[in-house]
Amino acid sequence: MNQNLVRLLTMLGIVPGMLLILAPKAPAQPQPGWQDWEQINPSNTLPFAAGFSNLELGGYLDFEQACEQAASEANTSITYWYRLSDLVWKIGTGPVEQGCRIGDTFVATSHSTAVLSGLASPVCLTVQSDIGNGLRVRAEPTLLSRQLGALSNGTETLQENLPALIVTDTTGRLWLSVQQDRLAGWASLANREGGYVNFRMCSPLARLPNLSQG
């Protein structure tokens, strides 16, 4: 992204790369950690809710405006699509990308945080690390931070607020804010986007109302 544009967006309080991409692009290929693109049908209920901050809501309004402008300039109809991060299905919270396209080309996309429809707090998550017997809990979302304690595999934690708080550090590792009794800190969610996820929802997705991945 142009550095002058980055500085301007920062001055306006907009996080570059988080909300809106206007550059046309072909349909994205399958990407590790993400579901396939699904076309939005007005008659169907989306399996997620989004727009949990004024920043994300404002970005989505800009996205809609960009889509409508592109359709008007091309004098043709436009279709809307979305794809969810695997995290949404595994822990109930994760990124969602929404896009509009003319023919086979996306003309704009919007990025925000999604929560599964029908999901209510507190959400129970079970530790399922694939390395060792559990996860370290650290004071800050970085491997260099001091260890506060540990959560063994099978431990159930409660996410009191939705969406859950997820942070990506400078190495690309994803961290989840967790609390277990008096132990509160950050646990490694995945070592990278698309990597193994160290938590799962305690209840099967099938028990949640009105959910569909297709």
C-alpha atoms as a PDB file:
ATOM      1  CA  MET A   1       0.000   0.000   0.000  1.00  0.00           C
ATOM      2  CA  ASN A   2       1.270   3.532  -0.799  1.00  0.00           C
ATOM      3  CA  GLN A   3       2.995   4.939   2.299  1.00  0.00           C
ATOM      4  CA  ASN A   4       1.280   8.325   1.969  1.00  0.00           C
ATOM      5  CA  LEU A   5      -2.075   6.544   1.919  1.00  0.00           C
ATOM      6  CA  VAL A   6      -1.056   4.519   4.983  1.00  0.00           C
ATOM      7  CA  ARG A   7      -0.218   7.712   6.875  1.00  0.00           C
ATOM      8  CA  LEU A   8      -3.507   9.317   5.820  1.00  0.00           C
ATOM      9  CA  LEU A   9      -5.538   6.288   6.929  1.00  0.00           C
ATOM     10  CA  THR A  10      -3.684   6.215  10.233  1.00  0.00           C
ATOM     11  CA  MET A  11      -4.450   9.913  10.823  1.00  0.00           C
ATOM     12  CA  LEU A  12      -8.109   9.170  10.177  1.00  0.00           C
ATOM     13  CA  GLY A  13      -8.060   6.312  12.676  1.00  0.00           C
ATOM     14  CA  ILE A  14      -8.386   3.566  10.046  1.00  0.00           C
ATOM     15  CA  VAL A  15      -6.218   0.447  10.320  1.00  0.00           C
ATOM     16  CA  PRO A  16      -4.645  -0.151   6.876  1.00  0.00           C
ATOM     17  CA  GLY A  17      -5.446  -3.532   5.370  1.00  0.00           C
ATOM     18  CA  MET A  18      -8.187  -4.241   7.906  1.00  0.00           C
ATOM     19  CA  LEU A  19     -11.326  -3.023   6.237  1.00  0.00           C
ATOM     20  CA  LEU A  20     -11.407  -2.244   2.550  1.00  0.00           C
ATOM     21  CA  ILE A  21      -9.434  -3.170  -0.547  1.00  0.00           C
ATOM     22  CA  LEU A  22     -10.519  -1.408  -3.722  1.00  0.00           C
ATOM     23  CA  ALA A  23      -8.024  -2.887  -6.174  1.00  0.00           C
ATOM     24  CA  PRO A  24      -9.767  -5.293  -8.608  1.00  0.00           C
ATOM     25  CA  LYS A  25      -8.628  -8.877  -8.339  1.00  0.00           C
ATOM     26  CA  ALA A  26      -9.568 -12.294  -9.656  1.00  0.00           C
ATOM     27  CA  PRO A  27     -11.399 -14.739  -7.388  1.00  0.00           C
ATOM     28  CA  ALA A  28      -9.029 -15.870  -4.653  1.00  0.00           C
ATOM     29  CA  GLN A  29      -7.657 -19.387  -4.784  1.00  0.00           C
ATOM     30  CA  PRO A  30      -8.197 -21.700  -1.782  1.00  0.00           C
ATOM     31  CA  GLN A  31      -6.154 -20.354   1.117  1.00  0.00           C
ATOM     32  CA  PRO A  32      -5.004 -22.324   4.171  1.00  0.00           C
ATOM     33  CA  GLY A  33      -7.155 -21.466   7.155  1.00  0.00           C
ATOM     34  CA  TRP A  34     -10.100 -20.200   5.122  1.00  0.00           C
ATOM     35  CA  GLN A  35     -13.344 -21.664   3.835  1.00  0.00           C
ATOM     36  CA  ASP A  36     -14.243 -21.384   0.136  1.00  0.00           C
ATOM     37  CA  TRP A  37     -16.051 -18.288  -1.125  1.00  0.00           C
ATOM     38  CA  GLU A  38     -19.853 -18.495  -0.850  1.00  0.00           C
ATOM     39  CA  GLN A  39     -22.252 -16.296  -2.786  1.00  0.00           C
ATOM     40  CA  ILE A  40     -24.661 -14.305  -0.618  1.00  0.00           C
ATOM     41  CA  ASN A  41     -28.271 -15.080  -1.409  1.00  0.00           C
ATOM     42  CA  PRO A  42     -30.683 -12.464   0.003  1.00  0.00           C
ATOM     43  CA  SER A  43     -33.196 -15.229   0.755  1.00  0.00           C
ATOM     44  CA  ASN A  44     -30.738 -17.152   2.961  1.00  0.00           C
ATOM     45  CA  THR A  45     -29.611 -16.286   6.474  1.00  0.00           C
ATOM     46  CA  LEU A  46     -25.868 -15.812   6.857  1.00  0.00           C
ATOM     47  CA  PRO A  47     -24.192 -18.191   9.338  1.00  0.00           C
ATOM     48  CA  PHE A  48     -22.391 -15.318  11.066  1.00  0.00           C
ATOM     49  CA  ALA A  49     -22.790 -11.841  12.512  1.00  0.00           C
ATOM     50  CA  ALA A  50     -20.236  -9.067  11.951  1.00  0.00           C
ATOM     51  CA  GLY A  51     -19.696  -5.371  12.542  1.00  0.00           C
ATOM     52  CA  PHE A  52     -18.864  -5.226  16.246  1.00  0.00           C
ATOM     53  CA  SER A  53     -17.161  -1.824  16.194  1.00  0.00           C
ATOM     54  CA  ASN A  54     -17.780   1.576  14.629  1.00  0.00           C
ATOM     55  CA  LEU A  55     -14.553   1.146  12.685  1.00  0.00           C
ATOM     56  CA  GLU A  56     -15.724  -2.088  11.080  1.00  0.00           C
ATOM     57  CA  LEU A  57     -19.218  -0.722  10.418  1.00  0.00           C
ATOM     58  CA  GLY A  58     -17.744   2.340   8.746  1.00  0.00           C
ATOM     59  CA  GLY A  59     -15.471   0.158   6.651  1.00  0.00           C
ATOM     60  CA  TYR A  60     -18.420  -1.942   5.518  1.00  0.00           C
ATOM     61  CA  LEU A  61     -20.357   1.160   4.458  1.00  0.00           C
ATOM     62  CA  ASP A  62     -17.344   2.240   2.385  1.00  0.00           C
ATOM     63  CA  PHE A  63     -17.251  -1.259   0.907  1.00  0.00           C
ATOM     64  CA  GLU A  64     -20.928  -1.125  -0.108  1.00  0.00           C
ATOM     65  CA  GLN A  65     -20.438   2.296  -1.663  1.00  0.00           C
ATOM     66  CA  ALA A  66     -17.436   1.062  -3.654  1.00  0.00           C
ATOM     67  CA  CYS A  67     -19.439  -1.930  -4.900  1.00  0.00           C
ATOM     68  CA  GLU A  68     -22.386   0.222  -5.973  1.00  0.00           C
ATOM     69  CA  GLN A  69     -20.103   2.689  -7.725  1.00  0.00           C
ATOM     70  CA  ALA A  70     -18.344  -0.099  -9.620  1.00  0.00           C
ATOM     71  CA  ALA A  71     -21.669  -1.574 -10.720  1.00  0.00           C
ATOM     72  CA  SER A  72     -22.893   1.834 -11.857  1.00  0.00           C
ATOM     73  CA  GLU A  73     -19.745   2.572 -13.851  1.00  0.00           C
ATOM     74  CA  ALA A  74     -19.845  -0.857 -15.499  1.00  0.00           C
ATOM     75  CA  ASN A  75     -23.610  -0.564 -16.035  1.00  0.00           C
ATOM     76  CA  THR A  76     -24.118  -4.146 -14.909  1.00  0.00           C
ATOM     77  CA  SER A  77     -25.241  -6.143 -11.913  1.00  0.00           C
ATOM     78  CA  ILE A  78     -22.948  -7.143  -9.082  1.00  0.00           C
ATOM     79  CA  THR A  79     -22.861 -10.193  -6.809  1.00  0.00           C
ATOM     80  CA  TYR A  80     -21.858 -10.354  -3.157  1.00  0.00           C
ATOM     81  CA  TRP A  81     -19.736 -13.108  -1.587  1.00  0.00           C
ATOM     82  CA  TYR A  82     -18.163 -14.040   1.736  1.00  0.00           C
ATOM     83  CA  ARG A  83     -15.650 -16.467   3.146  1.00  0.00           C
ATOM     84  CA  LEU A  84     -15.015 -17.353   6.772  1.00  0.00           C
ATOM     85  CA  SER A  85     -11.813 -18.221   8.557  1.00  0.00           C
ATOM     86  CA  ASP A  86     -11.707 -21.773   9.915  1.00  0.00           C
ATOM     87  CA  LEU A  87     -11.439 -20.135  13.343  1.00  0.00           C
ATOM     88  CA  VAL A  88     -15.099 -19.122  13.169  1.00  0.00           C
ATOM     89  CA  TRP A  89     -16.181 -22.772  13.012  1.00  0.00           C
ATOM     90  CA  LYS A  90     -13.661 -23.969  15.599  1.00  0.00           C
ATOM     91  CA  ILE A  91     -13.896 -21.333  18.348  1.00  0.00           C
ATOM     92  CA  GLY A  92     -16.903 -19.232  17.275  1.00  0.00           C
ATOM     93  CA  THR A  93     -14.880 -16.082  16.481  1.00  0.00           C
ATOM     94  CA  GLY A  94     -12.593 -15.264  13.569  1.00  0.00           C
ATOM     95  CA  PRO A  95     -12.037 -13.126  10.490  1.00  0.00           C
ATOM     96  CA  VAL A  96     -14.565 -12.827   7.686  1.00  0.00           C
ATOM     97  CA  GLU A  97     -13.884 -11.396   4.243  1.00  0.00           C
ATOM     98  CA  GLN A  98     -16.776 -10.088   2.188  1.00  0.00           C
ATOM     99  CA  GLY A  99     -16.451  -9.188  -1.456  1.00  0.00           C
ATOM    100  CA  CYS A 100     -18.418  -7.962  -4.437  1.00  0.00           C
ATOM    101  CA  ARG A 101     -17.600  -8.925  -7.954  1.00  0.00           C
ATOM    102  CA  ILE A 102     -18.549  -8.258 -11.531  1.00  0.00           C
ATOM    103  CA  GLY A 103     -18.338 -11.438 -13.559  1.00  0.00           C
ATOM    104  CA  ASP A 104     -15.334 -13.325 -12.208  1.00  0.00           C
ATOM    105  CA  THR A 105     -13.497 -10.307 -10.815  1.00  0.00           C
ATOM    106  CA  PHE A 106     -13.730  -8.925  -7.288  1.00  0.00           C
ATOM    107  CA  VAL A 107     -13.915  -5.125  -7.358  1.00  0.00           C
ATOM    108  CA  ALA A 108     -13.788  -4.590  -3.574  1.00  0.00           C
ATOM    109  CA  THR A 109     -13.443  -6.600  -0.379  1.00  0.00           C
ATOM    110  CA  SER A 110     -14.063  -5.828   3.269  1.00  0.00           C
ATOM    111  CA  HIS A 111     -12.437  -7.489   6.284  1.00  0.00           C
ATOM    112  CA  SER A 112     -13.962  -7.687   9.754  1.00  0.00           C
ATOM    113  CA  THR A 113     -14.541  -9.988  12.730  1.00  0.00           C
ATOM    114  CA  ALA A 114     -17.306 -12.593  12.652  1.00  0.00           C
ATOM    115  CA  VAL A 115     -19.167 -14.552  15.319  1.00  0.00           C
ATOM    116  CA  LEU A 116     -21.244 -17.632  14.552  1.00  0.00           C
ATOM    117  CA  SER A 117     -24.966 -16.960  14.394  1.00  0.00           C
ATOM    118  CA  GLY A 118     -26.835 -18.376  17.366  1.00  0.00           C
ATOM    119  CA  LEU A 119     -23.755 -18.280  19.579  1.00  0.00           C
ATOM    120  CA  ALA A 120     -24.195 -16.645  22.983  1.00  0.00           C
ATOM    121  CA  SER A 121     -21.692 -15.895  25.729  1.00  0.00           C
ATOM    122  CA  PRO A 122     -20.180 -17.414  27.676  1.00  0.00           C
ATOM    123  CA  VAL A 123     -18.671 -19.736  25.076  1.00  0.00           C
ATOM    124  CA  CYS A 124     -16.956 -22.864  26.362  1.00  0.00           C
ATOM    125  CA  LEU A 125     -13.618 -23.694  24.692  1.00  0.00           C
ATOM    126  CA  THR A 126     -11.558 -26.839  25.263  1.00  0.00           C
ATOM    127  CA  VAL A 127      -7.755 -26.867  25.083  1.00  0.00           C
ATOM    128  CA  GLN A 128      -6.552 -29.285  22.389  1.00  0.00           C
ATOM    129  CA  SER A 129      -2.879 -28.598  21.753  1.00  0.00           C
ATOM    130  CA  ASP A 130      -1.137 -30.856  19.256  1.00  0.00           C
ATOM    131  CA  ILE A 131       2.280 -30.334  20.919  1.00  0.00           C
ATOM    132  CA  GLY A 132       2.904 -31.456  24.477  1.00  0.00           C
ATOM    133  CA  ASN A 133       0.123 -31.790  27.014  1.00  0.00           C
ATOM    134  CA  GLY A 134      -1.330 -28.306  26.902  1.00  0.00           C
ATOM    135  CA  LEU A 135      -0.606 -24.595  26.564  1.00  0.00           C
ATOM    136  CA  ARG A 136       1.360 -21.996  28.484  1.00  0.00           C
ATOM    137  CA  VAL A 137      -0.509 -18.873  29.527  1.00  0.00           C
ATOM    138  CA  ARG A 138       1.570 -15.718  29.184  1.00  0.00           C
ATOM    139  CA  ALA A 139       1.192 -12.164  30.434  1.00  0.00           C
ATOM    140  CA  GLU A 140       1.369 -10.690  26.920  1.00  0.00           C
ATOM    141  CA  PRO A 141       0.667 -12.136  23.440  1.00  0.00           C
ATOM    142  CA  THR A 142       4.265 -13.030  22.654  1.00  0.00           C
ATOM    143  CA  LEU A 143       6.562 -15.988  23.288  1.00  0.00           C
ATOM    144  CA  LEU A 144       8.980 -13.601  25.001  1.00  0.00           C
ATOM    145  CA  SER A 145       6.456 -12.721  27.705  1.00  0.00           C
ATOM    146  CA  ARG A 146       6.625 -14.311  31.138  1.00  0.00           C
ATOM    147  CA  GLN A 147       4.617 -17.443  31.840  1.00  0.00           C
ATOM    148  CA  LEU A 148       1.743 -17.070  34.292  1.00  0.00           C
ATOM    149  CA  GLY A 149       0.584 -20.675  34.315  1.00  0.00           C
ATOM    150  CA  ALA A 150      -0.590 -23.460  32.046  1.00  0.00           C
ATOM    151  CA  LEU A 151      -3.750 -25.068  30.706  1.00  0.00           C
ATOM    152  CA  SER A 152      -3.591 -28.833  30.193  1.00  0.00           C
ATOM    153  CA  ASN A 153      -5.319 -30.530  27.275  1.00  0.00           C
ATOM    154  CA  GLY A 154      -8.991 -31.053  28.012  1.00  0.00           C
ATOM    155  CA  THR A 155      -9.252 -27.954  30.206  1.00  0.00           C
ATOM    156  CA  GLU A 156     -12.435 -25.995  29.559  1.00  0.00           C
ATOM    157  CA  THR A 157     -12.280 -22.203  29.559  1.00  0.00           C
ATOM    158  CA  LEU A 158     -15.115 -19.699  29.231  1.00  0.00           C
ATOM    159  CA  GLN A 159     -15.125 -16.754  26.848  1.00  0.00           C
ATOM    160  CA  GLU A 160     -17.333 -14.256  28.656  1.00  0.00           C
ATOM    161  CA  ASN A 161     -17.390 -11.725  25.812  1.00  0.00           C
ATOM    162  CA  LEU A 162     -18.021 -12.056  22.093  1.00  0.00           C
ATOM    163  CA  PRO A 163     -16.223 -11.734  19.834  1.00  0.00           C
ATOM    164  CA  ALA A 164     -13.284 -13.415  21.563  1.00  0.00           C
ATOM    165  CA  LEU A 165     -10.110 -11.317  21.615  1.00  0.00           C
ATOM    166  CA  ILE A 166      -7.532 -12.599  19.110  1.00  0.00           C
ATOM    167  CA  VAL A 167      -4.165 -10.918  18.465  1.00  0.00           C
ATOM    168  CA  THR A 168      -1.523 -11.682  15.837  1.00  0.00           C
ATOM    169  CA  ASP A 169       2.072 -10.997  16.896  1.00  0.00           C
ATOM    170  CA  THR A 170       4.943  -9.880  14.674  1.00  0.00           C
ATOM    171  CA  THR A 171       5.874 -13.487  13.840  1.00  0.00           C
ATOM    172  CA  GLY A 172       2.364 -14.327  12.612  1.00  0.00           C
ATOM    173  CA  ARG A 173       1.399 -16.374  15.675  1.00  0.00           C
ATOM    174  CA  LEU A 174      -2.226 -15.992  16.782  1.00  0.00           C
ATOM    175  CA  TRP A 175      -2.993 -15.502  20.478  1.00  0.00           C
ATOM    176  CA  LEU A 176      -6.268 -15.901  22.351  1.00  0.00           C
ATOM    177  CA  SER A 177      -7.168 -13.991  25.501  1.00  0.00           C
ATOM    178  CA  VAL A 178      -8.147 -16.620  28.091  1.00  0.00           C
ATOM    179  CA  GLN A 179      -9.282 -16.814  31.679  1.00  0.00           C
ATOM    180  CA  GLN A 180      -9.464 -19.906  33.871  1.00  0.00           C
ATOM    181  CA  ASP A 181     -10.437 -19.216  37.460  1.00  0.00           C
ATOM    182  CA  ARG A 182      -7.841 -16.645  38.600  1.00  0.00           C
ATOM    183  CA  LEU A 183      -5.476 -17.371  35.708  1.00  0.00           C
ATOM    184  CA  ALA A 184      -5.892 -14.696  33.023  1.00  0.00           C
ATOM    185  CA  GLY A 185      -3.547 -14.048  30.104  1.00  0.00           C
ATOM    186  CA  TRP A 186      -2.773 -15.121  26.563  1.00  0.00           C
ATOM    187  CA  ALA A 187      -2.516 -18.623  25.101  1.00  0.00           C
ATOM    188  CA  SER A 188      -1.267 -19.591  21.661  1.00  0.00           C
ATOM    189  CA  LEU A 189      -4.246 -20.120  19.371  1.00  0.00           C
ATOM    190  CA  ALA A 190      -2.210 -21.170  16.312  1.00  0.00           C
ATOM    191  CA  ASN A 191       1.397 -20.752  15.259  1.00  0.00           C
ATOM    192  CA  ARG A 192       0.269 -19.101  12.001  1.00  0.00           C
ATOM    193  CA  GLU A 193      -2.841 -18.390   9.971  1.00  0.00           C
ATOM    194  CA  GLY A 194      -4.082 -21.735   8.696  1.00  0.00           C
ATOM    195  CA  GLY A 195      -2.066 -23.641  11.295  1.00  0.00           C
ATOM    196  CA  TYR A 196      -3.362 -26.140  13.822  1.00  0.00           C
ATOM    197  CA  VAL A 197      -5.880 -24.494  16.185  1.00  0.00           C
ATOM    198  CA  ASN A 198      -5.284 -25.237  19.876  1.00  0.00           C
ATOM    199  CA  PHE A 199      -8.888 -24.712  21.005  1.00  0.00           C
ATOM    200  CA  ARG A 200     -12.296 -26.149  20.077  1.00  0.00           C
ATOM    201  CA  MET A 201     -15.791 -25.278  21.161  1.00  0.00           C
ATOM    202  CA  CYS A 202     -16.940 -27.651  23.902  1.00  0.00           C
ATOM    203  CA  SER A 203     -20.304 -28.304  22.243  1.00  0.00           C
ATOM    204  CA  PRO A 204     -20.552 -29.730  18.706  1.00  0.00           C
ATOM    205  CA  LEU A 205     -21.623 -27.285  16.004  1.00  0.00           C
ATOM    206  CA  ALA A 206     -24.608 -29.510  15.308  1.00  0.00           C
ATOM    207  CA  ARG A 207     -26.130 -28.416  18.616  1.00  0.00           C
ATOM    208  CA  LEU A 208     -26.125 -24.750  17.604  1.00  0.00           C
ATOM    209  CA  PRO A 209     -29.364 -23.497  15.996  1.00  0.00           C
ATOM    210  CA  ASN A 210     -29.711 -22.603  12.323  1.00  0.00           C
ATOM    211  CA  LEU A 211     -26.086 -23.102  11.317  1.00  0.00           C
ATOM    212  CA  SER A 212     -24.816 -24.203   7.935  1.00  0.00           C
ATOM    213  CA  GLN A 213     -21.415 -24.116   6.291  1.00  0.00           C
ATOM    214  CA  GLY A 214     -22.925 -24.098   2.823  1.00  0.00           C
END
